Amino acid sequence: MSDTKKWIEGLSDEDLAFVRRFVLASGSLKEMAEFYQISYPTIRLRLDRLIEKIRLLTSESVDSEFERTLRIEYSQGRVDLETMKRLLKAYKDEGLR
């Protein structure tokens, strides 16, 4: 599977709608904030999280799909840092047995 197809398939419908709107807004975060009726910092955070998600989806340094998924959940704010670290440690410890 190509890298492009891999990361696109990893995006949710909401992510794809955001990317589409971003392109149509010519990358204007101000216009994006107005469209979504949220503050500039909030739209910036949404973009930063999406960028991190795409980086993780295309990263070759992540060893497993479990780790990739967990890191994406963290990057999206769904899992806190301590929980992510504990789960990764437990997963890696299990792999050593």
PDB file of N, CA and C in Angstrom:
ATOM      1  N   MET A   1       0.854  -1.181   0.000  1.00  0.00           N
ATOM      2  CA  MET A   1       0.000   0.000   0.000  1.00  0.00           C
ATOM      3  C   MET A   1       0.895   1.237   0.000  1.00  0.00           C
ATOM      4  N   SER A   2       0.537   2.204  -0.821  1.00  0.00           N
ATOM      5  CA  SER A   2       1.338   3.421  -0.900  1.00  0.00           C
ATOM      6  C   SER A   2       1.216   4.225   0.385  1.00  0.00           C
ATOM      7  N   ASP A   3       2.245   5.036   0.661  1.00  0.00           N
ATOM      8  CA  ASP A   3       2.223   5.878   1.863  1.00  0.00           C
ATOM      9  C   ASP A   3       1.026   6.825   1.863  1.00  0.00           C
ATOM     10  N   THR A   4       0.696   7.377   0.668  1.00  0.00           N
ATOM     11  CA  THR A   4      -0.424   8.307   0.585  1.00  0.00           C
ATOM     12  C   THR A   4      -1.725   7.611   0.951  1.00  0.00           C
ATOM     13  N   LYS A   5      -1.945   6.450   0.374  1.00  0.00           N
ATOM     14  CA  LYS A   5      -3.180   5.721   0.662  1.00  0.00           C
ATOM     15  C   LYS A   5      -3.236   5.323   2.132  1.00  0.00           C
ATOM     16  N   LYS A   6      -2.092   4.935   2.691  1.00  0.00           N
ATOM     17  CA  LYS A   6      -2.034   4.508   4.086  1.00  0.00           C
ATOM     18  C   LYS A   6      -2.489   5.622   5.028  1.00  0.00           C
ATOM     19  N   TRP A   7      -1.975   6.820   4.860  1.00  0.00           N
ATOM     20  CA  TRP A   7      -2.354   7.875   5.812  1.00  0.00           C
ATOM     21  C   TRP A   7      -3.756   8.385   5.556  1.00  0.00           C
ATOM     22  N   ILE A   8      -4.184   8.417   4.320  1.00  0.00           N
ATOM     23  CA  ILE A   8      -5.541   8.875   4.039  1.00  0.00           C
ATOM     24  C   ILE A   8      -6.561   7.907   4.632  1.00  0.00           C
ATOM     25  N   GLU A   9      -6.314   6.618   4.511  1.00  0.00           N
ATOM     26  CA  GLU A   9      -7.237   5.630   5.067  1.00  0.00           C
ATOM     27  C   GLU A   9      -7.275   5.676   6.592  1.00  0.00           C
ATOM     28  N   GLY A  10      -6.237   6.233   7.210  1.00  0.00           N
ATOM     29  CA  GLY A  10      -6.193   6.354   8.663  1.00  0.00           C
ATOM     30  C   GLY A  10      -6.958   7.555   9.199  1.00  0.00           C
ATOM     31  N   LEU A  11      -7.411   8.415   8.313  1.00  0.00           N
ATOM     32  CA  LEU A  11      -8.137   9.610   8.742  1.00  0.00           C
ATOM     33  C   LEU A  11      -9.633   9.321   8.831  1.00  0.00           C
ATOM     34  N   SER A  12     -10.264   9.937   9.806  1.00  0.00           N
ATOM     35  CA  SER A  12     -11.716   9.805   9.954  1.00  0.00           C
ATOM     36  C   SER A  12     -12.411  10.706   8.934  1.00  0.00           C
ATOM     37  N   ASP A  13     -13.713  10.519   8.790  1.00  0.00           N
ATOM     38  CA  ASP A  13     -14.485  11.395   7.910  1.00  0.00           C
ATOM     39  C   ASP A  13     -14.372  12.848   8.361  1.00  0.00           C
ATOM     40  N   GLU A  14     -14.357  13.047   9.667  1.00  0.00           N
ATOM     41  CA  GLU A  14     -14.220  14.399  10.221  1.00  0.00           C
ATOM     42  C   GLU A  14     -12.859  14.999   9.849  1.00  0.00           C
ATOM     43  N   ASP A  15     -11.803  14.184   9.926  1.00  0.00           N
ATOM     44  CA  ASP A  15     -10.464  14.646   9.539  1.00  0.00           C
ATOM     45  C   ASP A  15     -10.433  15.040   8.062  1.00  0.00           C
ATOM     46  N   LEU A  16     -11.011  14.194   7.223  1.00  0.00           N
ATOM     47  CA  LEU A  16     -11.023  14.461   5.778  1.00  0.00           C
ATOM     48  C   LEU A  16     -11.819  15.719   5.453  1.00  0.00           C
ATOM     49  N   ALA A  17     -12.924  15.936   6.147  1.00  0.00           N
ATOM     50  CA  ALA A  17     -13.715  17.152   5.941  1.00  0.00           C
ATOM     51  C   ALA A  17     -12.892  18.377   6.338  1.00  0.00           C
ATOM     52  N   PHE A  18     -12.126  18.258   7.414  1.00  0.00           N
ATOM     53  CA  PHE A  18     -11.278  19.360   7.869  1.00  0.00           C
ATOM     54  C   PHE A  18     -10.207  19.660   6.818  1.00  0.00           C
ATOM     55  N   VAL A  19      -9.560  18.622   6.300  1.00  0.00           N
ATOM     56  CA  VAL A  19      -8.519  18.801   5.278  1.00  0.00           C
ATOM     57  C   VAL A  19      -9.119  19.462   4.029  1.00  0.00           C
ATOM     58  N   ARG A  20     -10.283  18.985   3.609  1.00  0.00           N
ATOM     59  CA  ARG A  20     -10.962  19.563   2.445  1.00  0.00           C
ATOM     60  C   ARG A  20     -11.235  21.048   2.674  1.00  0.00           C
ATOM     61  N   ARG A  21     -11.817  21.377   3.819  1.00  0.00           N
ATOM     62  CA  ARG A  21     -12.133  22.766   4.132  1.00  0.00           C
ATOM     63  C   ARG A  21     -10.851  23.605   4.199  1.00  0.00           C
ATOM     64  N   PHE A  22      -9.786  23.050   4.758  1.00  0.00           N
ATOM     65  CA  PHE A  22      -8.497  23.746   4.868  1.00  0.00           C
ATOM     66  C   PHE A  22      -7.954  24.086   3.478  1.00  0.00           C
ATOM     67  N   VAL A  23      -8.025  23.134   2.568  1.00  0.00           N
ATOM     68  CA  VAL A  23      -7.552  23.367   1.198  1.00  0.00           C
ATOM     69  C   VAL A  23      -8.416  24.432   0.526  1.00  0.00           C
ATOM     70  N   LEU A  24      -9.733  24.312   0.663  1.00  0.00           N
ATOM     71  CA  LEU A  24     -10.627  25.289   0.050  1.00  0.00           C
ATOM     72  C   LEU A  24     -10.445  26.688   0.635  1.00  0.00           C
ATOM     73  N   ALA A  25      -9.978  26.755   1.880  1.00  0.00           N
ATOM     74  CA  ALA A  25      -9.703  28.049   2.527  1.00  0.00           C
ATOM     75  C   ALA A  25      -8.283  28.525   2.223  1.00  0.00           C
ATOM     76  N   SER A  26      -7.614  27.847   1.308  1.00  0.00           N
ATOM     77  CA  SER A  26      -6.222  28.183   0.944  1.00  0.00           C
ATOM     78  C   SER A  26      -5.306  28.215   2.159  1.00  0.00           C
ATOM     79  N   GLY A  27      -5.598  27.355   3.135  1.00  0.00           N
ATOM     80  CA  GLY A  27      -4.748  27.253   4.313  1.00  0.00           C
ATOM     81  C   GLY A  27      -4.938  28.372   5.327  1.00  0.00           C
ATOM     82  N   SER A  28      -5.977  29.152   5.175  1.00  0.00           N
ATOM     83  CA  SER A  28      -6.211  30.265   6.097  1.00  0.00           C
ATOM     84  C   SER A  28      -6.853  29.764   7.389  1.00  0.00           C
ATOM     85  N   LEU A  29      -6.085  29.814   8.467  1.00  0.00           N
ATOM     86  CA  LEU A  29      -6.632  29.398   9.756  1.00  0.00           C
ATOM     87  C   LEU A  29      -7.688  30.377  10.243  1.00  0.00           C
ATOM     88  N   LYS A  30      -7.535  31.631   9.895  1.00  0.00           N
ATOM     89  CA  LYS A  30      -8.534  32.629  10.265  1.00  0.00           C
ATOM     90  C   LYS A  30      -9.880  32.281   9.619  1.00  0.00           C
ATOM     91  N   GLU A  31      -9.843  31.935   8.343  1.00  0.00           N
ATOM     92  CA  GLU A  31     -11.077  31.552   7.646  1.00  0.00           C
ATOM     93  C   GLU A  31     -11.650  30.255   8.227  1.00  0.00           C
ATOM     94  N   MET A  32     -10.770  29.320   8.587  1.00  0.00           N
ATOM     95  CA  MET A  32     -11.213  28.060   9.187  1.00  0.00           C
ATOM     96  C   MET A  32     -11.916  28.331  10.523  1.00  0.00           C
ATOM     97  N   ALA A  33     -11.317  29.196  11.332  1.00  0.00           N
ATOM     98  CA  ALA A  33     -11.912  29.524  12.634  1.00  0.00           C
ATOM     99  C   ALA A  33     -13.284  30.158  12.452  1.00  0.00           C
ATOM    100  N   GLU A  34     -13.405  31.029  11.462  1.00  0.00           N
ATOM    101  CA  GLU A  34     -14.696  31.656  11.186  1.00  0.00           C
ATOM    102  C   GLU A  34     -15.717  30.610  10.723  1.00  0.00           C
ATOM    103  N   PHE A  35     -15.307  29.711   9.841  1.00  0.00           N
ATOM    104  CA  PHE A  35     -16.214  28.688   9.331  1.00  0.00           C
ATOM    105  C   PHE A  35     -16.731  27.796  10.457  1.00  0.00           C
ATOM    106  N   TYR A  36     -15.817  27.328  11.306  1.00  0.00           N
ATOM    107  CA  TYR A  36     -16.205  26.428  12.399  1.00  0.00           C
ATOM    108  C   TYR A  36     -16.740  27.187  13.622  1.00  0.00           C
ATOM    109  N   GLN A  37     -16.659  28.506  13.583  1.00  0.00           N
ATOM    110  CA  GLN A  37     -17.117  29.375  14.674  1.00  0.00           C
ATOM    111  C   GLN A  37     -16.433  29.024  15.993  1.00  0.00           C
ATOM    112  N   ILE A  38     -15.112  28.897  15.901  1.00  0.00           N
ATOM    113  CA  ILE A  38     -14.278  28.656  17.084  1.00  0.00           C
ATOM    114  C   ILE A  38     -13.076  29.594  17.016  1.00  0.00           C
ATOM    115  N   SER A  39     -12.337  29.671  18.104  1.00  0.00           N
ATOM    116  CA  SER A  39     -11.209  30.596  18.159  1.00  0.00           C
ATOM    117  C   SER A  39     -10.034  30.115  17.312  1.00  0.00           C
ATOM    118  N   TYR A  40      -9.189  31.054  16.951  1.00  0.00           N
ATOM    119  CA  TYR A  40      -7.982  30.745  16.191  1.00  0.00           C
ATOM    120  C   TYR A  40      -7.117  29.708  16.926  1.00  0.00           C
ATOM    121  N   PRO A  41      -6.855  29.877  18.246  1.00  0.00           N
ATOM    122  CA  PRO A  41      -6.040  28.867  18.937  1.00  0.00           C
ATOM    123  C   PRO A  41      -6.658  27.465  18.898  1.00  0.00           C
ATOM    124  N   THR A  42      -7.966  27.383  18.936  1.00  0.00           N
ATOM    125  CA  THR A  42      -8.630  26.079  18.888  1.00  0.00           C
ATOM    126  C   THR A  42      -8.460  25.436  17.516  1.00  0.00           C
ATOM    127  N   ILE A  43      -8.580  26.225  16.460  1.00  0.00           N
ATOM    128  CA  ILE A  43      -8.401  25.668  15.113  1.00  0.00           C
ATOM    129  C   ILE A  43      -6.948  25.287  14.893  1.00  0.00           C
ATOM    130  N   ARG A  44      -6.033  26.070  15.479  1.00  0.00           N
ATOM    131  CA  ARG A  44      -4.597  25.756  15.386  1.00  0.00           C
ATOM    132  C   ARG A  44      -4.309  24.426  16.080  1.00  0.00           C
ATOM    133  N   LEU A  45      -4.908  24.200  17.251  1.00  0.00           N
ATOM    134  CA  LEU A  45      -4.742  22.940  17.976  1.00  0.00           C
ATOM    135  C   LEU A  45      -5.283  21.780  17.143  1.00  0.00           C
ATOM    136  N   ARG A  46      -6.432  21.973  16.528  1.00  0.00           N
ATOM    137  CA  ARG A  46      -7.024  20.919  15.685  1.00  0.00           C
ATOM    138  C   ARG A  46      -6.087  20.571  14.533  1.00  0.00           C
ATOM    139  N   LEU A  47      -5.505  21.588  13.911  1.00  0.00           N
ATOM    140  CA  LEU A  47      -4.562  21.353  12.812  1.00  0.00           C
ATOM    141  C   LEU A  47      -3.303  20.658  13.318  1.00  0.00           C
ATOM    142  N   ASP A  48      -2.773  21.110  14.447  1.00  0.00           N
ATOM    143  CA  ASP A  48      -1.569  20.482  15.016  1.00  0.00           C
ATOM    144  C   ASP A  48      -1.812  19.007  15.321  1.00  0.00           C
ATOM    145  N   ARG A  49      -2.986  18.681  15.855  1.00  0.00           N
ATOM    146  CA  ARG A  49      -3.314  17.287  16.159  1.00  0.00           C
ATOM    147  C   ARG A  49      -3.436  16.460  14.880  1.00  0.00           C
ATOM    148  N   LEU A  50      -3.995  17.053  13.850  1.00  0.00           N
ATOM    149  CA  LEU A  50      -4.122  16.355  12.583  1.00  0.00           C
ATOM    150  C   LEU A  50      -2.747  16.118  11.953  1.00  0.00           C
ATOM    151  N   ILE A  51      -1.884  17.104  12.039  1.00  0.00           N
ATOM    152  CA  ILE A  51      -0.513  16.957  11.531  1.00  0.00           C
ATOM    153  C   ILE A  51       0.190  15.816  12.256  1.00  0.00           C
ATOM    154  N   GLU A  52       0.075  15.776  13.578  1.00  0.00           N
ATOM    155  CA  GLU A  52       0.716  14.715  14.360  1.00  0.00           C
ATOM    156  C   GLU A  52       0.135  13.353  13.994  1.00  0.00           C
ATOM    157  N   LYS A  53      -1.147  13.285  13.776  1.00  0.00           N
ATOM    158  CA  LYS A  53      -1.788  12.026  13.386  1.00  0.00           C
ATOM    159  C   LYS A  53      -1.223  11.536  12.053  1.00  0.00           C
ATOM    160  N   ILE A  54      -1.096  12.430  11.090  1.00  0.00           N
ATOM    161  CA  ILE A  54      -0.546  12.052   9.787  1.00  0.00           C
ATOM    162  C   ILE A  54       0.911  11.620   9.920  1.00  0.00           C
ATOM    163  N   ARG A  55       1.675  12.317  10.742  1.00  0.00           N
ATOM    164  CA  ARG A  55       3.072  11.905  10.981  1.00  0.00           C
ATOM    165  C   ARG A  55       3.140  10.491  11.543  1.00  0.00           C
ATOM    166  N   LEU A  56       2.278  10.203  12.503  1.00  0.00           N
ATOM    167  CA  LEU A  56       2.270   8.867  13.105  1.00  0.00           C
ATOM    168  C   LEU A  56       1.809   7.798  12.121  1.00  0.00           C
ATOM    169  N   LEU A  57       0.848   8.135  11.288  1.00  0.00           N
ATOM    170  CA  LEU A  57       0.355   7.177  10.304  1.00  0.00           C
ATOM    171  C   LEU A  57       1.411   6.825   9.263  1.00  0.00           C
ATOM    172  N   THR A  58       2.338   7.736   9.023  1.00  0.00           N
ATOM    173  CA  THR A  58       3.366   7.505   8.016  1.00  0.00           C
ATOM    174  C   THR A  58       4.737   7.193   8.615  1.00  0.00           C
ATOM    175  N   SER A  59       4.830   7.190   9.928  1.00  0.00           N
ATOM    176  CA  SER A  59       6.113   6.961  10.593  1.00  0.00           C
ATOM    177  C   SER A  59       6.574   5.515  10.441  1.00  0.00           C
ATOM    178  N   GLU A  60       7.826   5.370  10.089  1.00  0.00           N
ATOM    179  CA  GLU A  60       8.419   4.036  10.010  1.00  0.00           C
ATOM    180  C   GLU A  60       9.133   3.680  11.311  1.00  0.00           C
ATOM    181  N   SER A  61       9.209   4.625  12.229  1.00  0.00           N
ATOM    182  CA  SER A  61       9.906   4.374  13.492  1.00  0.00           C
ATOM    183  C   SER A  61       9.001   3.751  14.558  1.00  0.00           C
ATOM    184  N   VAL A  62       7.694   3.703  14.298  1.00  0.00           N
ATOM    185  CA  VAL A  62       6.764   3.090  15.237  1.00  0.00           C
ATOM    186  C   VAL A  62       6.719   1.601  14.922  1.00  0.00           C
ATOM    187  N   ASP A  63       6.982   0.790  15.955  1.00  0.00           N
ATOM    188  CA  ASP A  63       7.162  -0.648  15.759  1.00  0.00           C
ATOM    189  C   ASP A  63       5.896  -1.437  15.470  1.00  0.00           C
ATOM    190  N   SER A  64       4.790  -1.072  16.060  1.00  0.00           N
ATOM    191  CA  SER A  64       3.596  -1.910  15.951  1.00  0.00           C
ATOM    192  C   SER A  64       2.350  -1.069  15.702  1.00  0.00           C
ATOM    193  N   GLU A  65       1.334  -1.729  15.211  1.00  0.00           N
ATOM    194  CA  GLU A  65       0.061  -1.040  14.987  1.00  0.00           C
ATOM    195  C   GLU A  65      -0.561  -0.615  16.319  1.00  0.00           C
ATOM    196  N   PHE A  66      -0.354  -1.418  17.376  1.00  0.00           N
ATOM    197  CA  PHE A  66      -0.849  -1.057  18.702  1.00  0.00           C
ATOM    198  C   PHE A  66      -0.218   0.257  19.151  1.00  0.00           C
ATOM    199  N   GLU A  67       1.097   0.352  19.029  1.00  0.00           N
ATOM    200  CA  GLU A  67       1.795   1.573  19.441  1.00  0.00           C
ATOM    201  C   GLU A  67       1.350   2.760  18.600  1.00  0.00           C
ATOM    202  N   ARG A  68       1.224   2.562  17.291  1.00  0.00           N
ATOM    203  CA  ARG A  68       0.785   3.646  16.409  1.00  0.00           C
ATOM    204  C   ARG A  68      -0.601   4.143  16.833  1.00  0.00           C
ATOM    205  N   THR A  69      -1.520   3.206  17.067  1.00  0.00           N
ATOM    206  CA  THR A  69      -2.884   3.571  17.472  1.00  0.00           C
ATOM    207  C   THR A  69      -2.887   4.298  18.806  1.00  0.00           C
ATOM    208  N   LEU A  70      -2.126   3.806  19.752  1.00  0.00           N
ATOM    209  CA  LEU A  70      -2.058   4.432  21.069  1.00  0.00           C
ATOM    210  C   LEU A  70      -1.481   5.842  20.972  1.00  0.00           C
ATOM    211  N   ARG A  71      -0.444   6.012  20.195  1.00  0.00           N
ATOM    212  CA  ARG A  71       0.156   7.341  20.039  1.00  0.00           C
ATOM    213  C   ARG A  71      -0.802   8.309  19.333  1.00  0.00           C
ATOM    214  N   ILE A  72      -1.579   7.801  18.389  1.00  0.00           N
ATOM    215  CA  ILE A  72      -2.577   8.644  17.727  1.00  0.00           C
ATOM    216  C   ILE A  72      -3.645   9.069  18.733  1.00  0.00           C
ATOM    217  N   GLU A  73      -4.101   8.130  19.559  1.00  0.00           N
ATOM    218  CA  GLU A  73      -5.096   8.467  20.587  1.00  0.00           C
ATOM    219  C   GLU A  73      -4.551   9.549  21.514  1.00  0.00           C
ATOM    220  N   TYR A  74      -3.274   9.449  21.878  1.00  0.00           N
ATOM    221  CA  TYR A  74      -2.646  10.472  22.718  1.00  0.00           C
ATOM    222  C   TYR A  74      -2.590  11.811  21.971  1.00  0.00           C
ATOM    223  N   SER A  75      -2.167  11.775  20.714  1.00  0.00           N
ATOM    224  CA  SER A  75      -2.038  13.022  19.952  1.00  0.00           C
ATOM    225  C   SER A  75      -3.381  13.714  19.760  1.00  0.00           C
ATOM    226  N   GLN A  76      -4.460  12.951  19.791  1.00  0.00           N
ATOM    227  CA  GLN A  76      -5.798  13.508  19.631  1.00  0.00           C
ATOM    228  C   GLN A  76      -6.408  13.936  20.966  1.00  0.00           C
ATOM    229  N   GLY A  77      -5.667  13.740  22.059  1.00  0.00           N
ATOM    230  CA  GLY A  77      -6.137  14.161  23.372  1.00  0.00           C
ATOM    231  C   GLY A  77      -7.097  13.181  24.029  1.00  0.00           C
ATOM    232  N   ARG A  78      -7.176  11.961  23.513  1.00  0.00           N
ATOM    233  CA  ARG A  78      -8.108  10.966  24.060  1.00  0.00           C
ATOM    234  C   ARG A  78      -7.485  10.121  25.160  1.00  0.00           C
ATOM    235  N   VAL A  79      -6.149  10.123  25.235  1.00  0.00           N
ATOM    236  CA  VAL A  79      -5.417   9.377  26.261  1.00  0.00           C
ATOM    237  C   VAL A  79      -4.374  10.324  26.846  1.00  0.00           C
ATOM    238  N   ASP A  80      -4.257  10.348  28.166  1.00  0.00           N
ATOM    239  CA  ASP A  80      -3.254  11.230  28.765  1.00  0.00           C
ATOM    240  C   ASP A  80      -1.864  10.580  28.682  1.00  0.00           C
ATOM    241  N   LEU A  81      -0.838  11.377  28.898  1.00  0.00           N
ATOM    242  CA  LEU A  81       0.544  10.936  28.733  1.00  0.00           C
ATOM    243  C   LEU A  81       0.895   9.767  29.649  1.00  0.00           C
ATOM    244  N   GLU A  82       0.524   9.853  30.913  1.00  0.00           N
ATOM    245  CA  GLU A  82       0.856   8.772  31.854  1.00  0.00           C
ATOM    246  C   GLU A  82       0.204   7.448  31.457  1.00  0.00           C
ATOM    247  N   THR A  83      -1.042   7.504  31.013  1.00  0.00           N
ATOM    248  CA  THR A  83      -1.729   6.288  30.574  1.00  0.00           C
ATOM    249  C   THR A  83      -1.037   5.705  29.350  1.00  0.00           C
ATOM    250  N   MET A  84      -0.689   6.559  28.399  1.00  0.00           N
ATOM    251  CA  MET A  84       0.007   6.082  27.207  1.00  0.00           C
ATOM    252  C   MET A  84       1.317   5.394  27.579  1.00  0.00           C
ATOM    253  N   LYS A  85       2.093   6.016  28.458  1.00  0.00           N
ATOM    254  CA  LYS A  85       3.376   5.433  28.868  1.00  0.00           C
ATOM    255  C   LYS A  85       3.184   4.079  29.549  1.00  0.00           C
ATOM    256  N   ARG A  86       2.193   3.982  30.436  1.00  0.00           N
ATOM    257  CA  ARG A  86       1.928   2.714  31.138  1.00  0.00           C
ATOM    258  C   ARG A  86       1.510   1.617  30.160  1.00  0.00           C
ATOM    259  N   LEU A  87       0.630   1.963  29.236  1.00  0.00           N
ATOM    260  CA  LEU A  87       0.165   0.976  28.261  1.00  0.00           C
ATOM    261  C   LEU A  87       1.292   0.536  27.324  1.00  0.00           C
ATOM    262  N   LEU A  88       2.121   1.468  26.892  1.00  0.00           N
ATOM    263  CA  LEU A  88       3.261   1.105  26.037  1.00  0.00           C
ATOM    264  C   LEU A  88       4.249   0.221  26.776  1.00  0.00           C
ATOM    265  N   LYS A  89       4.509   0.548  28.040  1.00  0.00           N
ATOM    266  CA  LYS A  89       5.430  -0.267  28.837  1.00  0.00           C
ATOM    267  C   LYS A  89       4.873  -1.674  29.012  1.00  0.00           C
ATOM    268  N   ALA A  90       3.597  -1.778  29.368  1.00  0.00           N
ATOM    269  CA  ALA A  90       2.980  -3.095  29.545  1.00  0.00           C
ATOM    270  C   ALA A  90       3.008  -3.891  28.251  1.00  0.00           C
ATOM    271  N   TYR A  91       2.742  -3.239  27.151  1.00  0.00           N
ATOM    272  CA  TYR A  91       2.744  -3.907  25.838  1.00  0.00           C
ATOM    273  C   TYR A  91       4.153  -4.410  25.505  1.00  0.00           C
ATOM    274  N   LYS A  92       5.147  -3.568  25.720  1.00  0.00           N
ATOM    275  CA  LYS A  92       6.522  -3.967  25.413  1.00  0.00           C
ATOM    276  C   LYS A  92       7.011  -5.046  26.363  1.00  0.00           C
ATOM    277  N   ASP A  93       6.620  -4.950  27.634  1.00  0.00           N
ATOM    278  CA  ASP A  93       6.997  -5.990  28.604  1.00  0.00           C
ATOM    279  C   ASP A  93       6.390  -7.334  28.215  1.00  0.00           C
ATOM    280  N   GLU A  94       5.152  -7.337  27.749  1.00  0.00           N
ATOM    281  CA  GLU A  94       4.483  -8.580  27.322  1.00  0.00           C
ATOM    282  C   GLU A  94       5.216  -9.183  26.118  1.00  0.00           C
ATOM    283  N   GLY A  95       5.712  -8.346  25.257  1.00  0.00           N
ATOM    284  CA  GLY A  95       6.425  -8.814  24.066  1.00  0.00           C
ATOM    285  C   GLY A  95       7.754  -9.469  24.395  1.00  0.00           C
ATOM    286  N   LEU A  96       8.296  -9.184  25.573  1.00  0.00           N
ATOM    287  CA  LEU A  96       9.585  -9.740  25.961  1.00  0.00           C
ATOM    288  C   LEU A  96       9.455 -11.138  26.554  1.00  0.00           C
ATOM    289  N   ARG A  97       8.240 -11.561  26.858  1.00  0.00           N
ATOM    290  CA  ARG A  97       8.045 -12.878  27.475  1.00  0.00           C
ATOM    291  C   ARG A  97       7.982 -13.972  26.469  1.00  0.00           C
TER     292      ARG A  97
END
